[in-house]
Amino acid sequence: MNKKINLGFTLTELVMVIVVTTIVAAGLASAVINTIIGIPRVETISTATALCAGEADRVRALPFASVADQNRDSPASFGGSFANYSWEVRVDSIDTAQPNLGSDPTMQNYKVVEVRVYNSLINYVSIKFLRTKYTE
């Protein structure tokens, strides 16, 4: 009962193992690289969203007559730790921004307000809301 056990591999089997291992390694490397690159973007979106919400709250607290464009087409930097973020407030007539809601070309009763926060990684994040004279 002297049996020999052959644990050898053929050249074809070795090549197949190398090919499969290479494919798996390439997939894992791609996933790791995408994760590493994506982390700063996620953090930037989160920060920009929080800054945008804060600016929107500030604008909503203003009296209706005081709601106007701020830094439109030339965003201002937040400064300090957020110097790479900038903001602007755009105020448009409901006729321009959302004509299906009604008509008020002189913005006597309705203003469509958009707050934008910019960053070079994400372009910008915006919050849009309808401000009415009747909310005071």
Protein backbone atom coordinates (compact mmCIF):
# COMPACT_ATOMS: atom_id res chain seq x y z
CA MET A 1 0.00 0.00 0.00
CA ASN A 2 2.59 2.42 -0.94
CA LYS A 3 0.66 5.14 -2.81
CA LYS A 4 2.30 8.27 -4.07
CA ILE A 5 0.34 11.48 -3.77
CA ASN A 6 1.06 13.96 -6.52
CA LEU A 7 0.81 17.53 -5.23
CA GLY A 8 2.35 19.09 -8.28
CA PHE A 9 0.63 21.67 -10.45
CA THR A 10 0.69 21.92 -14.18
CA LEU A 11 1.91 25.07 -15.89
CA THR A 12 -1.65 25.84 -17.02
CA GLU A 13 -2.94 25.70 -13.46
CA LEU A 14 -0.19 28.04 -12.26
CA VAL A 15 -0.93 30.55 -15.02
CA MET A 16 -4.66 30.46 -14.16
CA VAL A 17 -3.93 31.11 -10.47
CA ILE A 18 -1.71 34.06 -11.39
CA VAL A 19 -4.34 35.52 -13.74
CA VAL A 20 -7.16 35.19 -11.18
CA THR A 21 -4.98 36.65 -8.41
CA THR A 22 -4.05 39.61 -10.64
CA ILE A 23 -7.69 40.32 -11.48
CA VAL A 24 -8.71 40.20 -7.82
CA ALA A 25 -5.78 42.44 -6.80
CA ALA A 26 -6.63 44.97 -9.52
CA GLY A 27 -10.25 45.11 -8.35
CA LEU A 28 -9.23 45.60 -4.72
CA ALA A 29 -6.68 48.27 -5.66
CA SER A 30 -9.33 50.12 -7.66
CA ALA A 31 -11.77 50.03 -4.74
CA VAL A 32 -9.14 51.28 -2.31
CA ILE A 33 -8.08 54.12 -4.63
CA ASN A 34 -11.70 55.21 -5.19
CA THR A 35 -12.31 55.22 -1.44
CA ILE A 36 -9.21 57.27 -0.71
CA ILE A 37 -10.02 59.78 -3.45
CA GLY A 38 -13.71 59.98 -2.44
CA ILE A 39 -13.22 60.76 1.26
CA PRO A 40 -12.24 64.44 0.79
CA ARG A 41 -15.17 64.94 -1.60
CA VAL A 42 -17.68 63.55 0.90
CA GLU A 43 -16.29 65.76 3.65
CA THR A 44 -16.42 68.80 1.35
CA ILE A 45 -20.06 68.14 0.40
CA SER A 46 -20.99 67.73 4.06
CA THR A 47 -19.26 70.96 5.09
CA ALA A 48 -20.69 72.92 2.15
CA THR A 49 -24.19 71.67 2.96
CA ALA A 50 -23.89 72.75 6.60
CA LEU A 51 -22.56 76.19 5.59
CA CYS A 52 -25.34 76.54 3.02
CA ALA A 53 -28.02 75.66 5.58
CA GLY A 54 -26.58 78.25 7.96
CA GLU A 55 -26.69 80.96 5.30
CA ALA A 56 -30.24 79.96 4.34
CA ASP A 57 -31.32 80.27 7.99
CA ARG A 58 -29.70 83.71 8.18
CA VAL A 59 -31.53 84.88 5.04
CA ARG A 60 -34.86 83.44 6.21
CA ALA A 61 -34.55 85.46 9.43
CA LEU A 62 -34.29 88.73 7.47
CA PRO A 63 -37.37 90.91 6.99
CA PHE A 64 -38.98 90.38 3.58
CA ALA A 65 -37.86 93.79 2.27
CA SER A 66 -34.23 93.04 3.18
CA VAL A 67 -34.04 89.78 1.21
CA ALA A 68 -31.91 90.69 -1.81
CA ASP A 69 -28.98 89.44 -3.87
CA GLN A 70 -25.76 89.14 -1.91
CA ASN A 71 -22.43 88.57 -3.65
CA ARG A 72 -24.26 87.42 -6.79
CA ASP A 73 -21.83 86.31 -9.51
CA SER A 74 -18.82 87.05 -7.27
CA PRO A 75 -19.09 84.78 -4.22
CA ALA A 76 -17.48 85.92 -0.97
CA SER A 77 -15.20 83.67 1.06
CA PHE A 78 -16.28 82.50 4.50
CA GLY A 79 -12.72 83.14 5.73
CA GLY A 80 -10.88 81.47 8.59
CA SER A 81 -11.07 77.68 8.62
CA PHE A 82 -13.56 77.81 5.76
CA ALA A 83 -11.58 80.13 3.48
CA ASN A 84 -11.79 77.66 0.59
CA TYR A 85 -15.61 77.92 0.68
CA SER A 86 -17.47 80.92 -0.70
CA TRP A 87 -21.13 81.91 -0.79
CA GLU A 88 -23.72 83.95 -2.61
CA VAL A 89 -27.44 84.62 -2.32
CA ARG A 90 -29.53 84.88 -5.50
CA VAL A 91 -33.01 86.35 -5.36
CA ASP A 92 -35.29 86.02 -8.37
CA SER A 93 -38.87 86.70 -9.22
CA ILE A 94 -41.22 83.76 -9.02
CA ASP A 95 -41.93 84.39 -12.75
CA THR A 96 -38.27 83.78 -13.59
CA ALA A 97 -37.48 80.90 -11.25
CA GLN A 98 -40.78 78.99 -11.02
CA PRO A 99 -43.45 80.38 -13.36
CA ASN A 100 -45.86 77.51 -12.65
CA LEU A 101 -46.33 78.80 -9.06
CA GLY A 102 -47.85 82.12 -10.04
CA SER A 103 -46.89 85.61 -11.09
CA ASP A 104 -45.23 88.40 -9.15
CA PRO A 105 -42.69 90.07 -11.47
CA THR A 106 -42.01 92.97 -9.07
CA MET A 107 -41.38 90.64 -6.10
CA GLN A 108 -43.90 92.43 -3.90
CA ASN A 109 -45.18 89.23 -2.25
CA TYR A 110 -42.91 86.38 -3.37
CA LYS A 111 -39.17 85.90 -3.82
CA VAL A 112 -37.38 82.75 -4.88
CA VAL A 113 -34.15 82.63 -2.89
CA GLU A 114 -31.20 80.41 -3.72
CA VAL A 115 -28.20 80.18 -1.41
CA ARG A 116 -25.07 78.70 -3.00
CA VAL A 117 -21.86 77.58 -1.33
CA TYR A 118 -18.89 76.97 -3.63
CA ASN A 119 -15.78 74.81 -3.34
CA SER A 120 -13.36 73.75 -6.07
CA LEU A 121 -13.93 70.01 -5.39
CA ILE A 122 -17.70 70.09 -5.84
CA ASN A 123 -18.55 73.28 -7.79
CA TYR A 124 -21.44 74.29 -5.51
CA VAL A 125 -24.23 73.14 -3.20
CA SER A 126 -27.46 75.11 -3.19
CA ILE A 127 -30.63 75.47 -1.16
CA LYS A 128 -33.64 77.05 -2.83
CA PHE A 129 -36.75 78.28 -1.06
CA LEU A 130 -39.74 80.51 -1.59
CA ARG A 131 -39.88 83.54 0.66
CA THR A 132 -43.27 85.17 1.06
CA LYS A 133 -44.20 88.52 2.48
CA TYR A 134 -46.83 86.82 4.60
CA THR A 135 -44.33 84.92 6.77
CA GLU A 136 -43.42 87.97 8.85
